[in-house]
Amino acid sequence: MTMRGLALREITVRQWFSVTTKEVKVGFVNGIAVAVTCAAGVYFWSGSLGLVIVIAISMVIAMVAAGFAGAVVPIVLTRLGQDHAQSSSIVLTTVTDVAGFLSFLGIATLLSGMLEAG
C-alpha cells in the first residue's frame, strides 16, 4: 500500500505516522491469523505446546516487523531522494527475514524449558 500510494502521490512523507500505525495494525491482525493457522498445524504435527507458543509468538512479531518495515522503508527512501520502488524490495526482504529468524530463535531460547526433547 505504501509504495503504491507514494508512486501515485496519494501518500506524502508527512503522513508517515498514520501510514506506519495502519500497517503495524494490519501486520498484527495478519500475524494473529497466521499464528493461529501455524499453531494448529504445529500442534497436530508435533504435539508440543511449547513449540506452538514459540511459533505463534514469532509469527506475530515477524508480521508486525514486516508491516512496520513495509511502511517506513519506502517513506525513508523517498525522503532521501531515492527510488522507493526499486530500492526497498531488498531492504524489506532482509528486515522481514532477520526479524522472523531472530524472533523465532530468541523466543525458542527464552522458552527452551517448555520445548520437549524428542
C-alpha atoms as a PDB file:
ATOM      1  CA  MET A   1       0.000   0.000   0.000  1.00  0.00           C
ATOM      2  CA  THR A   2       2.748   2.424   0.912  1.00  0.00           C
ATOM      3  CA  MET A   3       4.772   2.045  -2.269  1.00  0.00           C
ATOM      4  CA  ARG A   4       1.718   2.327  -4.489  1.00  0.00           C
ATOM      5  CA  GLY A   5       0.492   5.361  -2.548  1.00  0.00           C
ATOM      6  CA  LEU A   6       3.875   7.051  -2.793  1.00  0.00           C
ATOM      7  CA  ALA A   7       4.140   6.300  -6.508  1.00  0.00           C
ATOM      8  CA  LEU A   8       0.679   7.733  -7.190  1.00  0.00           C
ATOM      9  CA  ARG A   9       1.349  10.651  -4.812  1.00  0.00           C
ATOM     10  CA  GLU A  10      -1.633   9.652  -2.657  1.00  0.00           C
ATOM     11  CA  ILE A  11       0.647   9.429   0.406  1.00  0.00           C
ATOM     12  CA  THR A  12       3.162  12.072   1.378  1.00  0.00           C
ATOM     13  CA  VAL A  13       6.173  11.740   3.641  1.00  0.00           C
ATOM     14  CA  ARG A  14       4.326  13.872   6.212  1.00  0.00           C
ATOM     15  CA  GLN A  15       1.753  11.107   6.681  1.00  0.00           C
ATOM     16  CA  TRP A  16       4.380   8.616   7.869  1.00  0.00           C
ATOM     17  CA  PHE A  17       2.951   8.177  11.364  1.00  0.00           C
ATOM     18  CA  SER A  18      -0.605   7.347  10.289  1.00  0.00           C
ATOM     19  CA  VAL A  19       0.621   5.071   7.487  1.00  0.00           C
ATOM     20  CA  THR A  20       3.018   3.266   9.823  1.00  0.00           C
ATOM     21  CA  THR A  21       0.352   2.845  12.512  1.00  0.00           C
ATOM     22  CA  LYS A  22      -2.089   1.391   9.995  1.00  0.00           C
ATOM     23  CA  GLU A  23       0.484  -1.032   8.576  1.00  0.00           C
ATOM     24  CA  VAL A  24       1.517  -2.215  12.044  1.00  0.00           C
ATOM     25  CA  LYS A  25      -2.128  -2.856  12.948  1.00  0.00           C
ATOM     26  CA  VAL A  26      -2.658  -4.815   9.728  1.00  0.00           C
ATOM     27  CA  GLY A  27       0.568  -6.739  10.381  1.00  0.00           C
ATOM     28  CA  PHE A  28      -0.671  -7.605  13.870  1.00  0.00           C
ATOM     29  CA  VAL A  29      -4.019  -8.894  12.591  1.00  0.00           C
ATOM     30  CA  ASN A  30      -2.295 -10.881   9.830  1.00  0.00           C
ATOM     31  CA  GLY A  31       0.198 -12.178  12.370  1.00  0.00           C
ATOM     32  CA  ILE A  32      -2.593 -13.431  14.625  1.00  0.00           C
ATOM     33  CA  ALA A  33      -4.294 -15.181  11.694  1.00  0.00           C
ATOM     34  CA  VAL A  34      -1.070 -16.810  10.501  1.00  0.00           C
ATOM     35  CA  ALA A  35      -0.091 -17.691  14.084  1.00  0.00           C
ATOM     36  CA  VAL A  36      -3.375 -19.480  14.747  1.00  0.00           C
ATOM     37  CA  THR A  37      -3.128 -21.409  11.485  1.00  0.00           C
ATOM     38  CA  CYS A  38       0.508 -22.374  12.033  1.00  0.00           C
ATOM     39  CA  ALA A  39      -0.104 -23.194  15.691  1.00  0.00           C
ATOM     40  CA  ALA A  40      -2.826 -25.665  14.751  1.00  0.00           C
ATOM     41  CA  GLY A  41      -0.570 -27.345  12.205  1.00  0.00           C
ATOM     42  CA  VAL A  42       2.422 -27.446  14.546  1.00  0.00           C
ATOM     43  CA  TYR A  43       0.364 -28.904  17.375  1.00  0.00           C
ATOM     44  CA  PHE A  44      -1.094 -31.550  15.065  1.00  0.00           C
ATOM     45  CA  TRP A  45       2.369 -32.371  13.735  1.00  0.00           C
ATOM     46  CA  SER A  46       4.443 -32.269  16.945  1.00  0.00           C
ATOM     47  CA  GLY A  47       2.036 -32.263  19.874  1.00  0.00           C
ATOM     48  CA  SER A  48       4.365 -29.826  21.663  1.00  0.00           C
ATOM     49  CA  LEU A  49       2.625 -26.893  23.315  1.00  0.00           C
ATOM     50  CA  GLY A  50       5.988 -25.164  23.826  1.00  0.00           C
ATOM     51  CA  LEU A  51       6.755 -25.290  20.108  1.00  0.00           C
ATOM     52  CA  VAL A  52       3.268 -23.988  19.326  1.00  0.00           C
ATOM     53  CA  ILE A  53       3.840 -20.975  21.592  1.00  0.00           C
ATOM     54  CA  VAL A  54       7.263 -20.271  20.068  1.00  0.00           C
ATOM     55  CA  ILE A  55       5.950 -20.434  16.505  1.00  0.00           C
ATOM     56  CA  ALA A  56       2.824 -18.385  17.232  1.00  0.00           C
ATOM     57  CA  ILE A  57       4.610 -15.547  19.026  1.00  0.00           C
ATOM     58  CA  SER A  58       7.397 -15.365  16.455  1.00  0.00           C
ATOM     59  CA  MET A  59       4.857 -15.235  13.618  1.00  0.00           C
ATOM     60  CA  VAL A  60       3.130 -12.237  15.177  1.00  0.00           C
ATOM     61  CA  ILE A  61       6.433 -10.454  15.778  1.00  0.00           C
ATOM     62  CA  ALA A  62       7.627 -11.157  12.228  1.00  0.00           C
ATOM     63  CA  MET A  63       4.391  -9.877  10.687  1.00  0.00           C
ATOM     64  CA  VAL A  64       4.406  -6.704  12.797  1.00  0.00           C
ATOM     65  CA  ALA A  65       8.046  -6.094  11.831  1.00  0.00           C
ATOM     66  CA  ALA A  66       7.168  -6.649   8.174  1.00  0.00           C
ATOM     67  CA  GLY A  67       4.286  -4.166   8.393  1.00  0.00           C
ATOM     68  CA  PHE A  68       6.479  -1.599  10.118  1.00  0.00           C
ATOM     69  CA  ALA A  69       9.310  -2.008   7.612  1.00  0.00           C
ATOM     70  CA  GLY A  70       6.874  -2.035   4.706  1.00  0.00           C
ATOM     71  CA  ALA A  71       5.660   1.406   5.748  1.00  0.00           C
ATOM     72  CA  VAL A  72       8.870   3.009   6.974  1.00  0.00           C
ATOM     73  CA  VAL A  73      11.439   1.868   4.399  1.00  0.00           C
ATOM     74  CA  PRO A  74       9.711   3.324   1.296  1.00  0.00           C
ATOM     75  CA  ILE A  75       8.985   6.583   3.131  1.00  0.00           C
ATOM     76  CA  VAL A  76      12.608   6.908   4.301  1.00  0.00           C
ATOM     77  CA  LEU A  77      13.927   6.138   0.821  1.00  0.00           C
ATOM     78  CA  THR A  78      11.582   8.728  -0.684  1.00  0.00           C
ATOM     79  CA  ARG A  79      12.708  11.275   1.902  1.00  0.00           C
ATOM     80  CA  LEU A  80      16.336  10.528   0.988  1.00  0.00           C
ATOM     81  CA  GLY A  81      15.539  11.139  -2.681  1.00  0.00           C
ATOM     82  CA  GLN A  82      15.882   7.502  -3.749  1.00  0.00           C
ATOM     83  CA  ASP A  83      13.522   5.464  -5.891  1.00  0.00           C
ATOM     84  CA  HIS A  84      11.496   3.604  -3.297  1.00  0.00           C
ATOM     85  CA  ALA A  85      10.038   1.101  -5.770  1.00  0.00           C
ATOM     86  CA  GLN A  86      13.443  -0.033  -6.958  1.00  0.00           C
ATOM     87  CA  SER A  87      15.369   0.080  -3.702  1.00  0.00           C
ATOM     88  CA  SER A  88      13.018  -1.072  -0.981  1.00  0.00           C
ATOM     89  CA  SER A  89      12.450  -4.696  -2.013  1.00  0.00           C
ATOM     90  CA  ILE A  90      15.864  -5.938  -0.870  1.00  0.00           C
ATOM     91  CA  VAL A  91      15.685  -3.955   2.374  1.00  0.00           C
ATOM     92  CA  LEU A  92      12.167  -5.186   3.137  1.00  0.00           C
ATOM     93  CA  THR A  93      13.111  -8.788   2.443  1.00  0.00           C
ATOM     94  CA  THR A  94      16.167  -8.516   4.662  1.00  0.00           C
ATOM     95  CA  VAL A  95      14.295  -6.873   7.545  1.00  0.00           C
ATOM     96  CA  THR A  96      11.467  -9.399   7.379  1.00  0.00           C
ATOM     97  CA  ASP A  97      13.829 -12.383   7.243  1.00  0.00           C
ATOM     98  CA  VAL A  98      16.026 -11.126  10.067  1.00  0.00           C
ATOM     99  CA  ALA A  99      13.042 -10.251  12.271  1.00  0.00           C
ATOM    100  CA  GLY A 100      11.464 -13.660  11.711  1.00  0.00           C
ATOM    101  CA  PHE A 101      14.687 -15.553  12.259  1.00  0.00           C
ATOM    102  CA  LEU A 102      15.719 -13.641  15.392  1.00  0.00           C
ATOM    103  CA  SER A 103      12.251 -13.674  16.918  1.00  0.00           C
ATOM    104  CA  PHE A 104      11.956 -17.429  16.399  1.00  0.00           C
ATOM    105  CA  LEU A 105      15.393 -18.199  17.832  1.00  0.00           C
ATOM    106  CA  GLY A 106      15.076 -15.664  20.642  1.00  0.00           C
ATOM    107  CA  ILE A 107      11.705 -16.925  21.791  1.00  0.00           C
ATOM    108  CA  ALA A 108      12.842 -20.541  21.457  1.00  0.00           C
ATOM    109  CA  THR A 109      15.820 -19.714  23.668  1.00  0.00           C
ATOM    110  CA  LEU A 110      13.650 -17.950  26.252  1.00  0.00           C
ATOM    111  CA  LEU A 111      11.136 -20.788  26.329  1.00  0.00           C
ATOM    112  CA  SER A 112      13.599 -23.645  25.882  1.00  0.00           C
ATOM    113  CA  GLY A 113      12.397 -25.232  29.121  1.00  0.00           C
ATOM    114  CA  MET A 114       8.977 -25.730  27.560  1.00  0.00           C
ATOM    115  CA  LEU A 115      10.311 -27.473  24.458  1.00  0.00           C
ATOM    116  CA  GLU A 116      10.276 -31.249  24.618  1.00  0.00           C
ATOM    117  CA  ALA A 117      13.382 -33.193  23.687  1.00  0.00           C
ATOM    118  CA  GLY A 118      12.459 -35.712  21.182  1.00  0.00           C
END
